Amino acid sequence: MAAPPVGGTEPPDDTSTKSGPGTTFLGFVALFGIAVLATVILYRIYPGELADKTNPGFLDNIFNSNIVVFAARLILFSAALVLAFLAAHMIWSIVQWFRLGHLLTKIGPLQVSEHAIQTLQAELEFWQREADSLYQQVDTLSERLQESDELLEAVLSEDSDLDAEGTVEETPEKEEKQ
C-alpha cells in the first residue's frame, strides 16, 4: 500500500499550468506576426543599389558591398532594439519600485545618502504633525465661532424687543431688576 502524498490526501490540481486551445492559437498567431514583422524588417534594411563614387575613400571601399551595408544596418537595428527593451525594462522596474513604496536611492554612479533620506522623512513627519495640530486649531476656532454666533444671535433677539420709537418694552425680567 502506497503512502498518502505529503500535504493532503489528493494530488495537486495541474489544470492551472495547462493552456486551452485559445491560448495556443493566440501564441501561434503572435509567433506568426513576429516572423512576418522580422521578414519585413530584414527586407527593408537590405540595400538596393549602391551609388558608385568617382573617388572612393577607405570607408567607401568597405561599404561598397550590399552584404556589408546589410550587416551594418542589422547590427544598428539590433542595438536599437536591445536599447529599447532595456529602457522599457528600466521604466517598468522603477514604476514597480514606486508602487511597492521603495525609494529610488541609486541609479548607476548617482546615489542619495541614507542621511538625506532620513532627514527628508523627519521633515515630512514634522510637517504632517504641524498640519494636524493646525487642523485641530481650526476645528477649535470653528466651534468657538459657532458659540459666539449663537450668543450674538441671542443678544440680538433680546434687543429686538425694542418698539418702533426706540423704547424698550418692559418685560417681567427687566421689571424685577428695577
N, C-alpha and C. Protein backbone atom coordinates (compact mmCIF):
# COMPACT_ATOMS: atom_id res chain seq x y z
N MET A 1 0.84 -1.18 0.00
CA MET A 1 0.00 0.00 0.00
C MET A 1 0.89 1.25 0.00
N ALA A 2 0.57 2.22 -0.86
CA ALA A 2 1.39 3.42 -1.01
C ALA A 2 1.02 4.44 0.06
N ALA A 3 2.01 5.19 0.49
CA ALA A 3 1.79 6.24 1.50
C ALA A 3 1.07 7.41 0.85
N PRO A 4 0.16 8.08 1.61
CA PRO A 4 -0.54 9.24 1.03
C PRO A 4 0.46 10.38 0.76
N PRO A 5 0.18 11.20 -0.23
CA PRO A 5 1.08 12.31 -0.54
C PRO A 5 1.17 13.29 0.62
N VAL A 6 2.32 13.91 0.75
CA VAL A 6 2.54 14.88 1.82
C VAL A 6 1.70 16.12 1.54
N GLY A 7 1.05 16.63 2.58
CA GLY A 7 0.29 17.86 2.47
C GLY A 7 -1.17 17.64 2.13
N GLY A 8 -1.65 16.45 2.06
CA GLY A 8 -3.06 16.24 1.76
C GLY A 8 -3.27 14.85 1.21
N THR A 9 -4.52 14.50 1.00
CA THR A 9 -4.84 13.17 0.52
C THR A 9 -5.01 13.12 -1.00
N GLU A 10 -5.18 14.27 -1.64
CA GLU A 10 -5.39 14.28 -3.08
C GLU A 10 -4.20 14.92 -3.77
N PRO A 11 -3.89 14.46 -4.97
CA PRO A 11 -2.78 15.09 -5.70
C PRO A 11 -3.17 16.52 -6.11
N PRO A 12 -2.18 17.39 -6.25
CA PRO A 12 -2.49 18.78 -6.63
C PRO A 12 -3.10 18.84 -8.02
N ASP A 13 -3.93 19.84 -8.22
CA ASP A 13 -4.60 20.04 -9.50
C ASP A 13 -3.65 20.78 -10.44
N ASP A 14 -3.32 20.17 -11.57
CA ASP A 14 -2.39 20.75 -12.52
C ASP A 14 -3.08 21.49 -13.66
N THR A 15 -4.36 21.80 -13.50
CA THR A 15 -5.07 22.48 -14.59
C THR A 15 -4.62 23.91 -14.76
N SER A 16 -3.99 24.51 -13.74
CA SER A 16 -3.57 25.90 -13.86
C SER A 16 -2.40 26.04 -14.81
N THR A 17 -1.63 24.98 -15.02
CA THR A 17 -0.49 25.06 -15.93
C THR A 17 -0.84 24.67 -17.35
N LYS A 18 -1.98 24.07 -17.56
CA LYS A 18 -2.39 23.68 -18.90
C LYS A 18 -3.00 24.87 -19.61
N SER A 19 -2.76 24.94 -20.91
CA SER A 19 -3.35 26.02 -21.68
C SER A 19 -4.42 25.46 -22.60
N GLY A 20 -5.43 26.26 -22.79
CA GLY A 20 -6.52 25.84 -23.65
C GLY A 20 -6.18 26.05 -25.11
N PRO A 21 -7.07 25.62 -26.00
CA PRO A 21 -6.81 25.78 -27.43
C PRO A 21 -6.76 27.25 -27.85
N GLY A 22 -7.50 28.10 -27.16
CA GLY A 22 -7.49 29.53 -27.49
C GLY A 22 -6.15 30.16 -27.20
N THR A 23 -5.55 29.79 -26.07
CA THR A 23 -4.24 30.33 -25.71
C THR A 23 -3.17 29.84 -26.68
N THR A 24 -3.24 28.58 -27.04
CA THR A 24 -2.28 28.04 -28.01
C THR A 24 -2.42 28.73 -29.35
N PHE A 25 -3.65 28.96 -29.79
CA PHE A 25 -3.89 29.64 -31.06
C PHE A 25 -3.34 31.06 -31.02
N LEU A 26 -3.58 31.78 -29.92
CA LEU A 26 -3.06 33.15 -29.79
C LEU A 26 -1.53 33.15 -29.80
N GLY A 27 -0.93 32.14 -29.20
CA GLY A 27 0.53 32.02 -29.23
C GLY A 27 1.05 31.84 -30.64
N PHE A 28 0.39 30.98 -31.42
CA PHE A 28 0.80 30.77 -32.81
C PHE A 28 0.59 32.03 -33.64
N VAL A 29 -0.50 32.74 -33.42
CA VAL A 29 -0.75 33.99 -34.16
C VAL A 29 0.32 35.02 -33.82
N ALA A 30 0.67 35.13 -32.54
CA ALA A 30 1.71 36.08 -32.14
C ALA A 30 3.05 35.69 -32.74
N LEU A 31 3.38 34.41 -32.73
CA LEU A 31 4.64 33.94 -33.32
C LEU A 31 4.67 34.21 -34.82
N PHE A 32 3.56 33.97 -35.50
CA PHE A 32 3.48 34.24 -36.93
C PHE A 32 3.64 35.74 -37.20
N GLY A 33 3.00 36.57 -36.38
CA GLY A 33 3.11 38.02 -36.53
C GLY A 33 4.55 38.50 -36.35
N ILE A 34 5.23 37.94 -35.36
CA ILE A 34 6.63 38.31 -35.13
C ILE A 34 7.49 37.87 -36.32
N ALA A 35 7.24 36.69 -36.85
CA ALA A 35 8.01 36.21 -38.00
C ALA A 35 7.77 37.10 -39.22
N VAL A 36 6.54 37.51 -39.46
CA VAL A 36 6.24 38.39 -40.59
C VAL A 36 6.91 39.74 -40.40
N LEU A 37 6.84 40.27 -39.19
CA LEU A 37 7.46 41.56 -38.90
C LEU A 37 8.98 41.49 -39.10
N ALA A 38 9.60 40.41 -38.64
CA ALA A 38 11.05 40.25 -38.82
C ALA A 38 11.41 40.16 -40.30
N THR A 39 10.60 39.45 -41.07
CA THR A 39 10.86 39.32 -42.51
C THR A 39 10.75 40.68 -43.19
N VAL A 40 9.73 41.45 -42.85
CA VAL A 40 9.56 42.77 -43.45
C VAL A 40 10.72 43.69 -43.07
N ILE A 41 11.14 43.62 -41.82
CA ILE A 41 12.27 44.46 -41.39
C ILE A 41 13.54 44.07 -42.13
N LEU A 42 13.80 42.77 -42.22
CA LEU A 42 15.00 42.33 -42.94
C LEU A 42 14.96 42.73 -44.41
N TYR A 43 13.80 42.64 -45.03
CA TYR A 43 13.65 43.03 -46.43
C TYR A 43 13.91 44.53 -46.60
N ARG A 44 13.39 45.34 -45.65
CA ARG A 44 13.51 46.79 -45.78
C ARG A 44 14.93 47.28 -45.50
N ILE A 45 15.69 46.58 -44.66
CA ILE A 45 17.03 47.09 -44.36
C ILE A 45 18.08 46.58 -45.35
N TYR A 46 17.73 45.64 -46.21
CA TYR A 46 18.68 45.18 -47.21
C TYR A 46 18.80 46.26 -48.27
N PRO A 47 20.02 46.71 -48.57
CA PRO A 47 20.17 47.83 -49.52
C PRO A 47 19.85 47.41 -50.95
N GLY A 48 19.37 48.38 -51.70
CA GLY A 48 19.10 48.15 -53.13
C GLY A 48 20.40 48.29 -53.89
N GLU A 49 20.49 49.30 -54.69
CA GLU A 49 21.72 49.55 -55.45
C GLU A 49 22.53 50.61 -54.71
N LEU A 50 23.82 50.41 -54.67
CA LEU A 50 24.70 51.37 -54.06
C LEU A 50 25.27 52.28 -55.13
N ALA A 51 25.36 53.56 -54.83
CA ALA A 51 25.89 54.52 -55.81
C ALA A 51 27.40 54.36 -55.90
N ASP A 52 27.90 54.40 -57.11
CA ASP A 52 29.34 54.32 -57.34
C ASP A 52 29.95 55.70 -57.16
N LYS A 53 31.04 55.75 -56.46
CA LYS A 53 31.73 57.02 -56.24
C LYS A 53 32.88 57.14 -57.25
N THR A 54 33.12 58.36 -57.68
CA THR A 54 34.21 58.57 -58.63
C THR A 54 35.57 58.49 -57.95
N ASN A 55 35.64 58.94 -56.72
CA ASN A 55 36.90 58.91 -55.98
C ASN A 55 36.61 58.31 -54.60
N PRO A 56 36.48 56.96 -54.50
CA PRO A 56 36.08 56.38 -53.22
C PRO A 56 37.20 56.44 -52.19
N GLY A 57 36.79 56.64 -50.92
CA GLY A 57 37.73 56.64 -49.81
C GLY A 57 37.78 55.25 -49.19
N PHE A 58 38.46 55.16 -48.06
CA PHE A 58 38.64 53.87 -47.39
C PHE A 58 37.28 53.29 -46.95
N LEU A 59 36.45 54.09 -46.29
CA LEU A 59 35.13 53.61 -45.85
C LEU A 59 34.21 53.32 -47.03
N ASP A 60 34.34 54.10 -48.08
CA ASP A 60 33.53 53.83 -49.27
C ASP A 60 33.85 52.47 -49.86
N ASN A 61 35.12 52.09 -49.86
CA ASN A 61 35.51 50.77 -50.36
C ASN A 61 34.98 49.66 -49.46
N ILE A 62 34.97 49.89 -48.14
CA ILE A 62 34.47 48.87 -47.21
C ILE A 62 32.97 48.69 -47.39
N PHE A 63 32.23 49.80 -47.47
CA PHE A 63 30.77 49.74 -47.55
C PHE A 63 30.27 49.69 -49.00
N ASN A 64 31.11 49.27 -49.93
CA ASN A 64 30.70 49.14 -51.33
C ASN A 64 29.93 47.85 -51.58
N SER A 65 29.92 46.93 -50.62
CA SER A 65 29.23 45.65 -50.77
C SER A 65 27.85 45.71 -50.10
N ASN A 66 26.85 45.15 -50.78
CA ASN A 66 25.50 45.11 -50.21
C ASN A 66 25.46 44.32 -48.90
N ILE A 67 26.22 43.24 -48.82
CA ILE A 67 26.22 42.41 -47.61
C ILE A 67 26.79 43.17 -46.43
N VAL A 68 27.83 43.96 -46.63
CA VAL A 68 28.44 44.74 -45.55
C VAL A 68 27.47 45.81 -45.07
N VAL A 69 26.82 46.49 -45.98
CA VAL A 69 25.83 47.51 -45.60
C VAL A 69 24.66 46.86 -44.86
N PHE A 70 24.23 45.70 -45.36
CA PHE A 70 23.14 44.97 -44.69
C PHE A 70 23.55 44.56 -43.27
N ALA A 71 24.76 44.05 -43.11
CA ALA A 71 25.24 43.63 -41.79
C ALA A 71 25.33 44.83 -40.85
N ALA A 72 25.82 45.96 -41.35
CA ALA A 72 25.92 47.17 -40.52
C ALA A 72 24.53 47.64 -40.09
N ARG A 73 23.59 47.64 -41.02
CA ARG A 73 22.22 48.05 -40.68
C ARG A 73 21.59 47.07 -39.68
N LEU A 74 21.85 45.78 -39.88
CA LEU A 74 21.32 44.77 -38.97
C LEU A 74 21.88 44.94 -37.56
N ILE A 75 23.14 45.24 -37.45
CA ILE A 75 23.76 45.47 -36.14
C ILE A 75 23.18 46.71 -35.48
N LEU A 76 23.03 47.78 -36.25
CA LEU A 76 22.45 49.01 -35.70
C LEU A 76 21.00 48.79 -35.27
N PHE A 77 20.23 48.07 -36.07
CA PHE A 77 18.85 47.78 -35.69
C PHE A 77 18.79 46.91 -34.43
N SER A 78 19.66 45.92 -34.36
CA SER A 78 19.69 45.06 -33.17
C SER A 78 20.06 45.85 -31.93
N ALA A 79 21.04 46.74 -32.05
CA ALA A 79 21.43 47.57 -30.91
C ALA A 79 20.27 48.47 -30.48
N ALA A 80 19.57 49.05 -31.45
CA ALA A 80 18.42 49.90 -31.12
C ALA A 80 17.32 49.09 -30.44
N LEU A 81 17.09 47.88 -30.91
CA LEU A 81 16.08 47.02 -30.31
C LEU A 81 16.44 46.64 -28.88
N VAL A 82 17.70 46.29 -28.66
CA VAL A 82 18.15 45.95 -27.31
C VAL A 82 18.02 47.16 -26.38
N LEU A 83 18.41 48.33 -26.84
CA LEU A 83 18.30 49.53 -26.01
C LEU A 83 16.84 49.88 -25.72
N ALA A 84 15.96 49.65 -26.69
CA ALA A 84 14.53 49.92 -26.46
C ALA A 84 13.97 48.99 -25.39
N PHE A 85 14.32 47.69 -25.46
CA PHE A 85 13.85 46.76 -24.43
C PHE A 85 14.46 47.08 -23.08
N LEU A 86 15.73 47.49 -23.06
CA LEU A 86 16.38 47.87 -21.81
C LEU A 86 15.70 49.08 -21.19
N ALA A 87 15.38 50.07 -22.00
CA ALA A 87 14.70 51.27 -21.49
C ALA A 87 13.31 50.91 -20.95
N ALA A 88 12.58 50.07 -21.67
CA ALA A 88 11.24 49.67 -21.21
C ALA A 88 11.35 48.90 -19.89
N HIS A 89 12.33 48.03 -19.78
CA HIS A 89 12.52 47.27 -18.53
C HIS A 89 12.88 48.19 -17.38
N MET A 90 13.73 49.17 -17.62
CA MET A 90 14.12 50.10 -16.56
C MET A 90 12.92 50.92 -16.09
N ILE A 91 12.13 51.40 -17.03
CA ILE A 91 10.94 52.19 -16.66
C ILE A 91 9.96 51.32 -15.88
N TRP A 92 9.73 50.09 -16.34
CA TRP A 92 8.83 49.18 -15.64
C TRP A 92 9.35 48.89 -14.24
N SER A 93 10.65 48.68 -14.08
CA SER A 93 11.23 48.39 -12.76
C SER A 93 11.07 49.58 -11.82
N ILE A 94 11.29 50.77 -12.32
CA ILE A 94 11.14 51.97 -11.47
C ILE A 94 9.69 52.13 -11.04
N VAL A 95 8.76 51.92 -11.96
CA VAL A 95 7.34 52.03 -11.61
C VAL A 95 6.98 50.99 -10.54
N GLN A 96 7.50 49.76 -10.67
CA GLN A 96 7.22 48.72 -9.68
C GLN A 96 7.81 49.09 -8.32
N TRP A 97 8.99 49.66 -8.29
CA TRP A 97 9.59 50.09 -7.02
C TRP A 97 8.71 51.14 -6.36
N PHE A 98 8.23 52.10 -7.14
CA PHE A 98 7.39 53.15 -6.57
C PHE A 98 6.06 52.58 -6.09
N ARG A 99 5.49 51.61 -6.80
CA ARG A 99 4.23 51.00 -6.38
C ARG A 99 4.39 50.26 -5.07
N LEU A 100 5.57 49.68 -4.83
CA LEU A 100 5.84 48.96 -3.59
C LEU A 100 6.24 49.89 -2.45
N GLY A 101 6.40 51.17 -2.74
CA GLY A 101 6.73 52.14 -1.71
C GLY A 101 8.22 52.26 -1.43
N HIS A 102 9.06 51.68 -2.27
CA HIS A 102 10.50 51.80 -2.09
C HIS A 102 10.98 53.13 -2.67
N LEU A 103 12.02 53.65 -2.07
CA LEU A 103 12.61 54.88 -2.59
C LEU A 103 13.75 54.53 -3.53
N LEU A 104 13.83 55.24 -4.61
CA LEU A 104 14.90 55.03 -5.57
C LEU A 104 16.10 55.85 -5.10
N THR A 105 17.12 55.16 -4.56
CA THR A 105 18.26 55.86 -3.97
C THR A 105 19.52 55.78 -4.80
N LYS A 106 19.56 54.90 -5.81
CA LYS A 106 20.78 54.75 -6.59
C LYS A 106 20.43 54.46 -8.05
N ILE A 107 21.04 55.23 -8.93
CA ILE A 107 20.94 54.98 -10.37
C ILE A 107 22.36 55.10 -10.91
N GLY A 108 22.95 53.96 -11.23
CA GLY A 108 24.32 53.96 -11.74
C GLY A 108 25.27 54.56 -10.73
N PRO A 109 26.07 55.53 -11.15
CA PRO A 109 27.01 56.12 -10.21
C PRO A 109 26.38 57.16 -9.28
N LEU A 110 25.16 57.54 -9.54
CA LEU A 110 24.48 58.54 -8.72
C LEU A 110 23.77 57.85 -7.56
N GLN A 111 24.00 58.37 -6.34
CA GLN A 111 23.39 57.75 -5.18
C GLN A 111 23.02 58.84 -4.17
N VAL A 112 21.89 58.68 -3.53
CA VAL A 112 21.44 59.58 -2.48
C VAL A 112 21.80 58.93 -1.15
N SER A 113 22.36 59.71 -0.25
CA SER A 113 22.78 59.14 1.03
C SER A 113 21.56 58.83 1.90
N GLU A 114 21.73 57.87 2.79
CA GLU A 114 20.66 57.49 3.71
C GLU A 114 20.35 58.63 4.67
N HIS A 115 21.36 59.41 5.02
CA HIS A 115 21.15 60.54 5.94
C HIS A 115 20.19 61.55 5.32
N ALA A 116 20.36 61.81 4.02
CA ALA A 116 19.47 62.76 3.34
C ALA A 116 18.04 62.23 3.31
N ILE A 117 17.88 60.95 3.09
CA ILE A 117 16.53 60.36 3.07
C ILE A 117 15.89 60.44 4.45
N GLN A 118 16.67 60.12 5.49
CA GLN A 118 16.14 60.19 6.86
C GLN A 118 15.78 61.62 7.24
N THR A 119 16.59 62.57 6.80
CA THR A 119 16.30 63.98 7.08
C THR A 119 14.99 64.40 6.41
N LEU A 120 14.82 64.01 5.16
CA LEU A 120 13.58 64.36 4.46
C LEU A 120 12.37 63.68 5.09
N GLN A 121 12.52 62.43 5.53
CA GLN A 121 11.41 61.75 6.19
C GLN A 121 11.06 62.42 7.51
N ALA A 122 12.09 62.86 8.26
CA ALA A 122 11.84 63.56 9.53
C ALA A 122 11.12 64.88 9.28
N GLU A 123 11.53 65.60 8.24
CA GLU A 123 10.85 66.85 7.90
C GLU A 123 9.41 66.59 7.49
N LEU A 124 9.17 65.54 6.73
CA LEU A 124 7.82 65.18 6.32
C LEU A 124 6.94 64.89 7.53
N GLU A 125 7.46 64.09 8.47
CA GLU A 125 6.69 63.78 9.68
C GLU A 125 6.41 65.05 10.49
N PHE A 126 7.40 65.96 10.59
CA PHE A 126 7.21 67.21 11.32
C PHE A 126 6.09 68.03 10.71
N TRP A 127 6.12 68.18 9.38
CA TRP A 127 5.09 69.00 8.73
C TRP A 127 3.72 68.33 8.78
N GLN A 128 3.69 67.00 8.80
CA GLN A 128 2.40 66.33 8.96
C GLN A 128 1.84 66.58 10.36
N ARG A 129 2.71 66.53 11.38
CA ARG A 129 2.24 66.84 12.74
C ARG A 129 1.79 68.29 12.84
N GLU A 130 2.52 69.20 12.22
CA GLU A 130 2.13 70.61 12.22
C GLU A 130 0.76 70.79 11.56
N ALA A 131 0.56 70.13 10.44
CA ALA A 131 -0.72 70.25 9.74
C ALA A 131 -1.85 69.69 10.61
N ASP A 132 -1.61 68.57 11.28
CA ASP A 132 -2.63 68.01 12.16
C ASP A 132 -2.97 68.96 13.30
N SER A 133 -1.95 69.56 13.90
CA SER A 133 -2.23 70.49 15.01
C SER A 133 -2.96 71.73 14.50
N LEU A 134 -2.63 72.20 13.30
CA LEU A 134 -3.34 73.35 12.74
C LEU A 134 -4.79 72.99 12.40
N TYR A 135 -5.02 71.78 11.93
CA TYR A 135 -6.41 71.35 11.68
C TYR A 135 -7.19 71.30 12.98
N GLN A 136 -6.57 70.83 14.05
CA GLN A 136 -7.24 70.81 15.35
C GLN A 136 -7.53 72.23 15.82
N GLN A 137 -6.59 73.14 15.61
CA GLN A 137 -6.79 74.52 16.00
C GLN A 137 -7.93 75.15 15.19
N VAL A 138 -8.00 74.84 13.92
CA VAL A 138 -9.09 75.34 13.08
C VAL A 138 -10.43 74.81 13.59
N ASP A 139 -10.48 73.52 13.96
CA ASP A 139 -11.71 72.95 14.50
C ASP A 139 -12.12 73.65 15.79
N THR A 140 -11.16 73.90 16.68
CA THR A 140 -11.46 74.58 17.94
C THR A 140 -11.97 75.99 17.68
N LEU A 141 -11.32 76.71 16.79
CA LEU A 141 -11.75 78.08 16.48
C LEU A 141 -13.12 78.08 15.79
N SER A 142 -13.40 77.09 14.98
CA SER A 142 -14.72 77.00 14.34
C SER A 142 -15.81 76.79 15.39
N GLU A 143 -15.53 75.92 16.38
CA GLU A 143 -16.51 75.70 17.44
C GLU A 143 -16.73 76.97 18.26
N ARG A 144 -15.65 77.69 18.56
CA ARG A 144 -15.77 78.93 19.33
C ARG A 144 -16.54 79.97 18.54
N LEU A 145 -16.29 80.03 17.23
CA LEU A 145 -17.02 80.97 16.38
C LEU A 145 -18.51 80.63 16.35
N GLN A 146 -18.82 79.35 16.30
CA GLN A 146 -20.22 78.92 16.32
C GLN A 146 -20.90 79.33 17.62
N GLU A 147 -20.19 79.15 18.75
CA GLU A 147 -20.73 79.55 20.04
C GLU A 147 -20.92 81.07 20.10
N SER A 148 -19.95 81.81 19.55
CA SER A 148 -20.07 83.28 19.52
C SER A 148 -21.25 83.70 18.67
N ASP A 149 -21.45 83.06 17.56
CA ASP A 149 -22.59 83.38 16.70
C ASP A 149 -23.91 83.11 17.42
N GLU A 150 -23.98 82.01 18.17
CA GLU A 150 -25.20 81.70 18.92
C GLU A 150 -25.45 82.73 20.01
N LEU A 151 -24.39 83.15 20.72
CA LEU A 151 -24.54 84.18 21.76
C LEU A 151 -24.96 85.51 21.15
N LEU A 152 -24.36 85.87 20.03
CA LEU A 152 -24.73 87.11 19.36
C LEU A 152 -26.18 87.07 18.90
N GLU A 153 -26.59 85.94 18.38
CA GLU A 153 -27.99 85.77 17.95
C GLU A 153 -28.93 85.93 19.14
N ALA A 154 -28.55 85.38 20.29
CA ALA A 154 -29.39 85.50 21.48
C ALA A 154 -29.46 86.96 21.94
N VAL A 155 -28.35 87.68 21.94
CA VAL A 155 -28.34 89.09 22.34
C VAL A 155 -29.16 89.91 21.38
N LEU A 156 -29.03 89.66 20.09
CA LEU A 156 -29.80 90.41 19.10
C LEU A 156 -31.28 90.10 19.20
N SER A 157 -31.65 88.90 19.56
CA SER A 157 -33.07 88.58 19.69
C SER A 157 -33.67 89.28 20.91
N GLU A 158 -32.89 89.49 21.98
CA GLU A 158 -33.38 90.24 23.15
C GLU A 158 -33.53 91.71 22.81
N ASP A 159 -32.61 92.24 21.99
CA ASP A 159 -32.69 93.64 21.61
C ASP A 159 -33.78 93.88 20.58
N SER A 160 -34.30 92.85 19.99
CA SER A 160 -35.37 93.03 19.01
C SER A 160 -36.69 93.36 19.69
N ASP A 161 -36.68 93.35 21.02
CA ASP A 161 -37.89 93.71 21.77
C ASP A 161 -38.11 95.23 21.78
N LEU A 162 -37.25 95.98 21.12
CA LEU A 162 -37.43 97.43 21.04
C LEU A 162 -38.66 97.73 20.18
N ASP A 163 -39.42 98.72 20.61
CA ASP A 163 -40.57 99.08 19.77
C ASP A 163 -40.14 100.06 18.69
N ALA A 164 -41.03 100.50 17.92
CA ALA A 164 -40.74 101.34 16.76
C ALA A 164 -40.18 102.69 17.18
N GLU A 165 -40.47 103.21 18.39
CA GLU A 165 -39.99 104.52 18.81
C GLU A 165 -38.61 104.45 19.44
N GLY A 166 -38.11 103.28 19.64
CA GLY A 166 -36.79 103.18 20.21
C GLY A 166 -36.81 102.94 21.70
N THR A 167 -37.98 102.73 22.29
CA THR A 167 -38.03 102.45 23.72
C THR A 167 -38.09 100.96 23.92
N VAL A 168 -37.64 100.57 25.05
CA VAL A 168 -37.60 99.15 25.36
C VAL A 168 -38.91 98.77 26.02
N GLU A 169 -39.52 97.71 25.53
CA GLU A 169 -40.73 97.22 26.17
C GLU A 169 -40.34 96.57 27.48
N GLU A 170 -41.13 96.81 28.47
CA GLU A 170 -40.84 96.26 29.78
C GLU A 170 -41.22 94.79 29.80
N THR A 171 -40.27 93.98 30.16
CA THR A 171 -40.54 92.57 30.31
C THR A 171 -40.48 92.26 31.78
N PRO A 172 -41.07 91.19 32.21
CA PRO A 172 -41.08 90.87 33.64
C PRO A 172 -39.67 90.74 34.21
N GLU A 173 -38.76 90.27 33.43
CA GLU A 173 -37.38 90.11 33.92
C GLU A 173 -36.76 91.47 34.20
N LYS A 174 -37.03 92.46 33.33
CA LYS A 174 -36.45 93.79 33.47
C LYS A 174 -37.10 94.52 34.64
N GLU A 175 -38.40 94.27 34.86
CA GLU A 175 -39.10 94.93 35.98
C GLU A 175 -38.57 94.42 37.30
N GLU A 176 -38.22 93.14 37.39
CA GLU A 176 -37.70 92.60 38.62
C GLU A 176 -36.35 93.20 38.94
N LYS A 177 -35.55 93.52 37.95
CA LYS A 177 -34.23 94.09 38.19
C LYS A 177 -34.34 95.53 38.67
N GLN A 178 -35.37 96.24 38.29
CA GLN A 178 -35.50 97.64 38.67
C GLN A 178 -36.07 97.67 40.04
